[in-house]
Amino acid sequence: MRSLLWLIVGALTGALLATLYAPQSGKKTRKKLKKRAKQLQLELEARTEQGWDRLDDWKVSAEELVEDAAKKVNGRDNSFHSFN
């Protein structure tokens, strides 16, 4: 997760420096920055959505594991009590 954050920070820094040092007018530079910021925003939103989806999948898996474990424990408890 940290490497993704550093990748994004590095990409933003590189894009900003490349844009600032490009030989073009301020109006074009601002337009280019705005366009790139929008692209990054959309990419970040997509990755965030993927992260939430992955987290939901992990949650479901964990819940299933807990339910299976509870069934096994309850099954053992019932069989233990039936011997008494």
N, C-alpha and C. Protein backbone atom coordinates (compact mmCIF):
# COMPACT_ATOMS: atom_id res chain seq x y z
N MET A 1 0.83 -1.18 0.00
CA MET A 1 0.00 0.00 0.00
C MET A 1 0.88 1.25 0.00
N ARG A 2 1.96 1.21 0.77
CA ARG A 2 2.85 2.37 0.81
C ARG A 2 3.51 2.61 -0.54
N SER A 3 3.86 1.52 -1.23
CA SER A 3 4.51 1.68 -2.53
C SER A 3 3.58 2.34 -3.53
N LEU A 4 2.28 2.04 -3.44
CA LEU A 4 1.31 2.68 -4.31
C LEU A 4 1.24 4.17 -4.01
N LEU A 5 1.25 4.52 -2.76
CA LEU A 5 1.23 5.92 -2.36
C LEU A 5 2.46 6.65 -2.89
N TRP A 6 3.62 6.04 -2.74
CA TRP A 6 4.85 6.67 -3.24
C TRP A 6 4.86 6.76 -4.75
N LEU A 7 4.28 5.78 -5.42
CA LEU A 7 4.17 5.83 -6.87
C LEU A 7 3.31 7.02 -7.30
N ILE A 8 2.21 7.22 -6.62
CA ILE A 8 1.33 8.35 -6.94
C ILE A 8 2.03 9.67 -6.66
N VAL A 9 2.69 9.77 -5.51
CA VAL A 9 3.42 11.01 -5.17
C VAL A 9 4.51 11.28 -6.20
N GLY A 10 5.23 10.25 -6.58
CA GLY A 10 6.30 10.42 -7.58
C GLY A 10 5.75 10.84 -8.93
N ALA A 11 4.64 10.23 -9.32
CA ALA A 11 4.02 10.58 -10.60
C ALA A 11 3.54 12.02 -10.60
N LEU A 12 2.92 12.43 -9.50
CA LEU A 12 2.45 13.82 -9.39
C LEU A 12 3.62 14.80 -9.44
N THR A 13 4.67 14.49 -8.71
CA THR A 13 5.84 15.36 -8.68
C THR A 13 6.48 15.45 -10.07
N GLY A 14 6.65 14.33 -10.72
CA GLY A 14 7.24 14.32 -12.06
C GLY A 14 6.38 15.07 -13.06
N ALA A 15 5.08 14.86 -13.00
CA ALA A 15 4.18 15.56 -13.92
C ALA A 15 4.21 17.06 -13.68
N LEU A 16 4.22 17.45 -12.43
CA LEU A 16 4.26 18.87 -12.10
C LEU A 16 5.55 19.52 -12.58
N LEU A 17 6.68 18.88 -12.31
CA LEU A 17 7.96 19.44 -12.74
C LEU A 17 8.08 19.49 -14.26
N ALA A 18 7.63 18.44 -14.92
CA ALA A 18 7.70 18.43 -16.38
C ALA A 18 6.82 19.52 -16.98
N THR A 19 5.68 19.72 -16.38
CA THR A 19 4.76 20.75 -16.87
C THR A 19 5.30 22.15 -16.62
N LEU A 20 5.87 22.36 -15.46
CA LEU A 20 6.38 23.69 -15.12
C LEU A 20 7.58 24.08 -15.96
N TYR A 21 8.38 23.12 -16.36
CA TYR A 21 9.57 23.42 -17.15
C TYR A 21 9.33 23.35 -18.66
N ALA A 22 8.11 23.03 -19.06
CA ALA A 22 7.80 22.94 -20.49
C ALA A 22 7.72 24.36 -21.08
N PRO A 23 8.26 24.53 -22.28
CA PRO A 23 8.24 25.85 -22.91
C PRO A 23 6.90 26.16 -23.58
N GLN A 24 5.93 26.58 -22.78
CA GLN A 24 4.64 26.96 -23.32
C GLN A 24 4.02 28.06 -22.47
N SER A 25 2.94 28.62 -22.94
CA SER A 25 2.31 29.75 -22.22
C SER A 25 1.69 29.28 -20.91
N GLY A 26 1.45 30.23 -20.04
CA GLY A 26 0.82 29.93 -18.75
C GLY A 26 -0.57 29.36 -18.91
N LYS A 27 -1.31 29.88 -19.89
CA LYS A 27 -2.66 29.40 -20.13
C LYS A 27 -2.65 27.92 -20.54
N LYS A 28 -1.73 27.57 -21.43
CA LYS A 28 -1.62 26.17 -21.86
C LYS A 28 -1.16 25.29 -20.71
N THR A 29 -0.24 25.81 -19.91
CA THR A 29 0.27 25.04 -18.78
C THR A 29 -0.84 24.77 -17.77
N ARG A 30 -1.64 25.78 -17.47
CA ARG A 30 -2.75 25.60 -16.52
C ARG A 30 -3.77 24.60 -17.06
N LYS A 31 -4.05 24.70 -18.35
CA LYS A 31 -4.99 23.77 -18.98
C LYS A 31 -4.47 22.34 -18.90
N LYS A 32 -3.17 22.20 -19.17
CA LYS A 32 -2.54 20.89 -19.11
C LYS A 32 -2.55 20.33 -17.68
N LEU A 33 -2.26 21.18 -16.70
CA LEU A 33 -2.29 20.76 -15.30
C LEU A 33 -3.69 20.33 -14.89
N LYS A 34 -4.69 21.10 -15.31
CA LYS A 34 -6.07 20.77 -14.97
C LYS A 34 -6.47 19.43 -15.56
N LYS A 35 -6.09 19.21 -16.81
CA LYS A 35 -6.42 17.95 -17.49
C LYS A 35 -5.74 16.77 -16.78
N ARG A 36 -4.46 16.94 -16.46
CA ARG A 36 -3.71 15.86 -15.78
C ARG A 36 -4.27 15.60 -14.38
N ALA A 37 -4.65 16.66 -13.68
CA ALA A 37 -5.23 16.49 -12.35
C ALA A 37 -6.54 15.70 -12.42
N LYS A 38 -7.34 15.98 -13.44
CA LYS A 38 -8.59 15.26 -13.61
C LYS A 38 -8.32 13.78 -13.91
N GLN A 39 -7.32 13.51 -14.75
CA GLN A 39 -6.96 12.12 -15.05
C GLN A 39 -6.53 11.39 -13.79
N LEU A 40 -5.70 12.05 -12.99
CA LEU A 40 -5.23 11.43 -11.75
C LEU A 40 -6.38 11.22 -10.77
N GLN A 41 -7.30 12.18 -10.72
CA GLN A 41 -8.46 12.03 -9.85
C GLN A 41 -9.27 10.80 -10.24
N LEU A 42 -9.53 10.65 -11.54
CA LEU A 42 -10.31 9.50 -12.01
C LEU A 42 -9.59 8.18 -11.72
N GLU A 43 -8.26 8.18 -11.92
CA GLU A 43 -7.48 6.98 -11.64
C GLU A 43 -7.51 6.65 -10.15
N LEU A 44 -7.38 7.65 -9.32
CA LEU A 44 -7.41 7.44 -7.88
C LEU A 44 -8.78 6.94 -7.43
N GLU A 45 -9.84 7.50 -8.01
CA GLU A 45 -11.19 7.03 -7.67
C GLU A 45 -11.38 5.57 -8.06
N ALA A 46 -10.87 5.20 -9.23
CA ALA A 46 -10.99 3.82 -9.69
C ALA A 46 -10.22 2.88 -8.77
N ARG A 47 -9.00 3.28 -8.40
CA ARG A 47 -8.20 2.42 -7.51
C ARG A 47 -8.81 2.34 -6.12
N THR A 48 -9.40 3.43 -5.67
CA THR A 48 -10.07 3.41 -4.37
C THR A 48 -11.25 2.46 -4.40
N GLU A 49 -12.02 2.51 -5.47
CA GLU A 49 -13.15 1.60 -5.63
C GLU A 49 -12.68 0.15 -5.64
N GLN A 50 -11.58 -0.11 -6.34
CA GLN A 50 -11.02 -1.47 -6.36
C GLN A 50 -10.60 -1.90 -4.96
N GLY A 51 -10.03 -0.97 -4.22
CA GLY A 51 -9.61 -1.28 -2.85
C GLY A 51 -10.80 -1.61 -1.96
N TRP A 52 -11.88 -0.85 -2.09
CA TRP A 52 -13.08 -1.13 -1.30
C TRP A 52 -13.68 -2.48 -1.69
N ASP A 53 -13.68 -2.77 -2.99
CA ASP A 53 -14.19 -4.07 -3.44
C ASP A 53 -13.37 -5.21 -2.86
N ARG A 54 -12.05 -5.04 -2.89
CA ARG A 54 -11.17 -6.07 -2.34
C ARG A 54 -11.40 -6.23 -0.84
N LEU A 55 -11.58 -5.12 -0.15
CA LEU A 55 -11.84 -5.16 1.29
C LEU A 55 -13.16 -5.88 1.58
N ASP A 56 -14.18 -5.60 0.77
CA ASP A 56 -15.46 -6.29 0.93
C ASP A 56 -15.30 -7.79 0.71
N ASP A 57 -14.51 -8.17 -0.29
CA ASP A 57 -14.27 -9.60 -0.55
C ASP A 57 -13.59 -10.25 0.65
N TRP A 58 -12.60 -9.57 1.22
CA TRP A 58 -11.91 -10.11 2.40
C TRP A 58 -12.88 -10.24 3.57
N LYS A 59 -13.75 -9.27 3.71
CA LYS A 59 -14.72 -9.29 4.81
C LYS A 59 -15.64 -10.51 4.67
N VAL A 60 -16.13 -10.74 3.47
CA VAL A 60 -17.01 -11.88 3.22
C VAL A 60 -16.26 -13.18 3.50
N SER A 61 -15.02 -13.26 3.04
CA SER A 61 -14.22 -14.47 3.29
C SER A 61 -14.01 -14.70 4.77
N ALA A 62 -13.72 -13.64 5.49
CA ALA A 62 -13.51 -13.76 6.93
C ALA A 62 -14.79 -14.20 7.63
N GLU A 63 -15.91 -13.63 7.22
CA GLU A 63 -17.18 -14.01 7.83
C GLU A 63 -17.48 -15.49 7.57
N GLU A 64 -17.19 -15.95 6.35
CA GLU A 64 -17.42 -17.36 6.02
C GLU A 64 -16.53 -18.26 6.85
N LEU A 65 -15.27 -17.86 7.02
CA LEU A 65 -14.36 -18.65 7.84
C LEU A 65 -14.85 -18.73 9.29
N VAL A 66 -15.31 -17.62 9.81
CA VAL A 66 -15.81 -17.60 11.20
C VAL A 66 -17.05 -18.48 11.31
N GLU A 67 -17.96 -18.38 10.34
CA GLU A 67 -19.16 -19.22 10.37
C GLU A 67 -18.81 -20.69 10.31
N ASP A 68 -17.87 -21.06 9.42
CA ASP A 68 -17.45 -22.46 9.32
C ASP A 68 -16.82 -22.94 10.62
N ALA A 69 -15.99 -22.09 11.20
CA ALA A 69 -15.35 -22.47 12.47
C ALA A 69 -16.40 -22.63 13.56
N ALA A 70 -17.38 -21.73 13.59
CA ALA A 70 -18.43 -21.82 14.61
C ALA A 70 -19.25 -23.10 14.42
N LYS A 71 -19.54 -23.46 13.17
CA LYS A 71 -20.29 -24.69 12.91
C LYS A 71 -19.50 -25.91 13.38
N LYS A 72 -18.19 -25.90 13.12
CA LYS A 72 -17.36 -27.03 13.55
C LYS A 72 -17.32 -27.12 15.07
N VAL A 73 -17.18 -25.97 15.72
CA VAL A 73 -17.13 -25.96 17.19
C VAL A 73 -18.47 -26.41 17.75
N ASN A 74 -19.55 -25.90 17.19
CA ASN A 74 -20.88 -26.29 17.66
C ASN A 74 -21.14 -27.76 17.39
N GLY A 75 -20.69 -28.25 16.27
CA GLY A 75 -20.85 -29.67 15.95
C GLY A 75 -20.09 -30.53 16.93
N ARG A 76 -18.90 -30.13 17.31
CA ARG A 76 -18.11 -30.88 18.29
C ARG A 76 -18.75 -30.79 19.66
N ASP A 77 -19.26 -29.61 20.01
CA ASP A 77 -19.92 -29.45 21.31
C ASP A 77 -21.14 -30.35 21.39
N ASN A 78 -21.94 -30.40 20.32
CA ASN A 78 -23.13 -31.24 20.32
C ASN A 78 -22.77 -32.72 20.42
N SER A 79 -21.74 -33.12 19.68
CA SER A 79 -21.36 -34.52 19.74
C SER A 79 -20.77 -34.86 21.10
N PHE A 80 -20.10 -33.91 21.72
CA PHE A 80 -19.54 -34.13 23.06
C PHE A 80 -20.65 -34.30 24.09
N HIS A 81 -21.66 -33.45 23.97
CA HIS A 81 -22.77 -33.53 24.92
C HIS A 81 -23.61 -34.79 24.70
N SER A 82 -23.66 -35.29 23.50
CA SER A 82 -24.46 -36.48 23.25
C SER A 82 -23.82 -37.74 23.87
N PHE A 83 -22.50 -37.67 24.12
CA PHE A 83 -21.84 -38.80 24.76
C PHE A 83 -22.07 -38.83 26.26
N ASN A 84 -22.43 -37.71 26.83
CA ASN A 84 -22.64 -37.64 28.31
C ASN A 84 -23.94 -38.23 28.70
